[in-house]
Amino acid sequence: MSITKSTLILAAAAVLVATGAAAESNALRVVNHSDLDLSTQAGVNILEHRVHRAVLSLCSVNPVASSAAVDVEQARCEAETAAAVREQVDARIAAQRSLKLRTAGL
């Protein structure tokens, strides 16, 4: 899989095999943003929503396996995964905003 400037790769920060959350040891999600203008707030909002959905998908738990302990682990997975991808998201937004500023001056 090649990583391009228009995709983000999310990996579960915690593999919770015992609880069923993010049970795949190589759980990954790809979030494409080639259709978004990240120099606008609307584009950023859509990307944030896509990333949030991907994080939820990575850390999802079988409802049958749900318990207080599983819910805590799921919340931890979501928080750690979101934090792990934050730098990628911020870098892509900054790059598009910088490019827009540079090209606006031409």
C-alpha atoms as a PDB file:
ATOM      1  CA  MET A   1       0.000   0.000   0.000  1.00  0.00           C
ATOM      2  CA  SER A   2       1.480   3.360  -0.921  1.00  0.00           C
ATOM      3  CA  ILE A   3       0.905   6.385   1.234  1.00  0.00           C
ATOM      4  CA  THR A   4       0.094   9.509  -0.709  1.00  0.00           C
ATOM      5  CA  LYS A   5      -0.465  13.092   0.304  1.00  0.00           C
ATOM      6  CA  SER A   6      -4.206  12.497  -0.011  1.00  0.00           C
ATOM      7  CA  THR A   7      -4.542   9.609   2.430  1.00  0.00           C
ATOM      8  CA  LEU A   8      -4.075   9.121   6.130  1.00  0.00           C
ATOM      9  CA  ILE A   9      -3.282   5.731   7.595  1.00  0.00           C
ATOM     10  CA  LEU A  10      -4.747   4.980  11.004  1.00  0.00           C
ATOM     11  CA  ALA A  11      -3.591   2.042  13.068  1.00  0.00           C
ATOM     12  CA  ALA A  12      -5.170   0.999  16.313  1.00  0.00           C
ATOM     13  CA  ALA A  13      -2.993   2.300  19.113  1.00  0.00           C
ATOM     14  CA  ALA A  14      -3.988  -0.611  21.289  1.00  0.00           C
ATOM     15  CA  VAL A  15      -4.840  -4.090  20.110  1.00  0.00           C
ATOM     16  CA  LEU A  16      -7.476  -5.414  22.445  1.00  0.00           C
ATOM     17  CA  VAL A  17      -7.722  -8.998  21.312  1.00  0.00           C
ATOM     18  CA  ALA A  18      -8.955 -10.276  24.653  1.00  0.00           C
ATOM     19  CA  THR A  19     -11.878  -7.875  24.718  1.00  0.00           C
ATOM     20  CA  GLY A  20     -12.699  -8.010  21.043  1.00  0.00           C
ATOM     21  CA  ALA A  21     -11.919  -4.345  20.364  1.00  0.00           C
ATOM     22  CA  ALA A  22      -9.630  -3.822  17.392  1.00  0.00           C
ATOM     23  CA  ALA A  23      -9.223  -7.569  17.335  1.00  0.00           C
ATOM     24  CA  GLU A  24      -7.195  -7.594  14.134  1.00  0.00           C
ATOM     25  CA  SER A  25      -3.506  -7.402  15.008  1.00  0.00           C
ATOM     26  CA  ASN A  26      -2.851  -5.388  11.854  1.00  0.00           C
ATOM     27  CA  ALA A  27      -5.965  -3.234  12.035  1.00  0.00           C
ATOM     28  CA  LEU A  28      -5.614  -0.275   9.681  1.00  0.00           C
ATOM     29  CA  ARG A  29      -7.974   2.220   8.158  1.00  0.00           C
ATOM     30  CA  VAL A  30      -7.239   4.511   5.217  1.00  0.00           C
ATOM     31  CA  VAL A  31      -8.858   7.928   5.189  1.00  0.00           C
ATOM     32  CA  ASN A  32      -8.800   9.581   1.778  1.00  0.00           C
ATOM     33  CA  HIS A  33      -9.014  13.365   1.615  1.00  0.00           C
ATOM     34  CA  SER A  34      -8.101  14.039  -2.011  1.00  0.00           C
ATOM     35  CA  ASP A  35     -11.568  15.489  -2.563  1.00  0.00           C
ATOM     36  CA  LEU A  36     -11.248  18.004   0.287  1.00  0.00           C
ATOM     37  CA  ASP A  37      -9.874  21.527   0.408  1.00  0.00           C
ATOM     38  CA  LEU A  38      -8.155  21.459   3.790  1.00  0.00           C
ATOM     39  CA  SER A  39      -7.446  25.170   3.596  1.00  0.00           C
ATOM     40  CA  THR A  40     -11.123  25.725   4.427  1.00  0.00           C
ATOM     41  CA  GLN A  41     -12.902  25.011   7.698  1.00  0.00           C
ATOM     42  CA  ALA A  42     -15.531  22.987   5.842  1.00  0.00           C
ATOM     43  CA  GLY A  43     -12.863  20.688   4.404  1.00  0.00           C
ATOM     44  CA  VAL A  44     -11.211  20.307   7.806  1.00  0.00           C
ATOM     45  CA  ASN A  45     -14.563  19.485   9.424  1.00  0.00           C
ATOM     46  CA  ILE A  46     -15.240  16.738   6.887  1.00  0.00           C
ATOM     47  CA  LEU A  47     -11.750  15.281   7.363  1.00  0.00           C
ATOM     48  CA  GLU A  48     -12.176  15.338  11.149  1.00  0.00           C
ATOM     49  CA  HIS A  49     -15.479  13.487  10.762  1.00  0.00           C
ATOM     50  CA  ARG A  50     -13.889  10.854   8.500  1.00  0.00           C
ATOM     51  CA  VAL A  51     -11.017  10.346  10.921  1.00  0.00           C
ATOM     52  CA  HIS A  52     -13.444  10.052  13.841  1.00  0.00           C
ATOM     53  CA  ARG A  53     -15.453   7.383  12.005  1.00  0.00           C
ATOM     54  CA  ALA A  54     -12.253   5.489  11.170  1.00  0.00           C
ATOM     55  CA  VAL A  55     -11.140   5.597  14.813  1.00  0.00           C
ATOM     56  CA  LEU A  56     -14.533   4.289  15.945  1.00  0.00           C
ATOM     57  CA  SER A  57     -14.315   1.523  13.356  1.00  0.00           C
ATOM     58  CA  LEU A  58     -10.817   0.515  14.454  1.00  0.00           C
ATOM     59  CA  CYS A  59     -11.778   0.329  18.105  1.00  0.00           C
ATOM     60  CA  SER A  60     -15.254  -1.116  17.724  1.00  0.00           C
ATOM     61  CA  VAL A  61     -16.398  -3.866  20.042  1.00  0.00           C
ATOM     62  CA  ASN A  62     -18.825  -6.673  19.454  1.00  0.00           C
ATOM     63  CA  PRO A  63     -21.914  -5.538  21.414  1.00  0.00           C
ATOM     64  CA  VAL A  64     -22.251  -9.048  22.846  1.00  0.00           C
ATOM     65  CA  ALA A  65     -18.793  -8.728  24.431  1.00  0.00           C
ATOM     66  CA  SER A  66     -19.544  -5.334  25.942  1.00  0.00           C
ATOM     67  CA  SER A  67     -18.975  -4.815  29.652  1.00  0.00           C
ATOM     68  CA  ALA A  68     -17.689  -2.024  31.862  1.00  0.00           C
ATOM     69  CA  ALA A  69     -14.097  -3.223  31.430  1.00  0.00           C
ATOM     70  CA  VAL A  70     -14.487  -3.561  27.674  1.00  0.00           C
ATOM     71  CA  ASP A  71     -16.043  -0.098  27.474  1.00  0.00           C
ATOM     72  CA  VAL A  72     -13.038   1.363  29.316  1.00  0.00           C
ATOM     73  CA  GLU A  73     -10.617  -0.385  26.943  1.00  0.00           C
ATOM     74  CA  GLN A  74     -12.627   0.761  23.924  1.00  0.00           C
ATOM     75  CA  ALA A  75     -12.536   4.369  25.137  1.00  0.00           C
ATOM     76  CA  ARG A  76      -8.769   4.076  25.736  1.00  0.00           C
ATOM     77  CA  CYS A  77      -8.259   2.656  22.241  1.00  0.00           C
ATOM     78  CA  GLU A  78     -10.268   5.505  20.726  1.00  0.00           C
ATOM     79  CA  ALA A  79      -8.369   8.181  22.665  1.00  0.00           C
ATOM     80  CA  GLU A  80      -4.932   6.722  21.903  1.00  0.00           C
ATOM     81  CA  THR A  81      -5.688   6.134  18.232  1.00  0.00           C
ATOM     82  CA  ALA A  82      -7.098   9.649  17.785  1.00  0.00           C
ATOM     83  CA  ALA A  83      -4.032  11.119  19.492  1.00  0.00           C
ATOM     84  CA  ALA A  84      -1.686   9.012  17.353  1.00  0.00           C
ATOM     85  CA  VAL A  85      -3.188  10.274  14.093  1.00  0.00           C
ATOM     86  CA  ARG A  86      -3.492  13.915  15.225  1.00  0.00           C
ATOM     87  CA  GLU A  87      -0.014  14.838  13.954  1.00  0.00           C
ATOM     88  CA  GLN A  88      -0.786  13.426  10.485  1.00  0.00           C
ATOM     89  CA  VAL A  89      -4.062  15.361  10.307  1.00  0.00           C
ATOM     90  CA  ASP A  90      -2.490  18.615  11.471  1.00  0.00           C
ATOM     91  CA  ALA A  91       0.405  18.236   9.012  1.00  0.00           C
ATOM     92  CA  ARG A  92      -1.942  17.711   6.049  1.00  0.00           C
ATOM     93  CA  ILE A  93      -4.051  20.727   7.011  1.00  0.00           C
ATOM     94  CA  ALA A  94      -0.972  22.919   7.440  1.00  0.00           C
ATOM     95  CA  ALA A  95       0.477  21.775   4.114  1.00  0.00           C
ATOM     96  CA  GLN A  96      -2.683  22.615   2.181  1.00  0.00           C
ATOM     97  CA  ARG A  97      -3.073  25.983   3.890  1.00  0.00           C
ATOM     98  CA  SER A  98       0.567  26.826   3.190  1.00  0.00           C
ATOM     99  CA  LEU A  99       0.207  25.831  -0.455  1.00  0.00           C
ATOM    100  CA  LYS A 100      -2.903  27.967  -0.816  1.00  0.00           C
ATOM    101  CA  LEU A 101      -1.086  30.968   0.668  1.00  0.00           C
ATOM    102  CA  ARG A 102       1.913  30.492  -1.629  1.00  0.00           C
ATOM    103  CA  THR A 103      -0.213  30.139  -4.742  1.00  0.00           C
ATOM    104  CA  ALA A 104      -2.435  33.096  -3.779  1.00  0.00           C
ATOM    105  CA  GLY A 105       0.606  35.359  -3.916  1.00  0.00           C
ATOM    106  CA  LEU A 106       1.366  34.473  -7.555  1.00  0.00           C
END
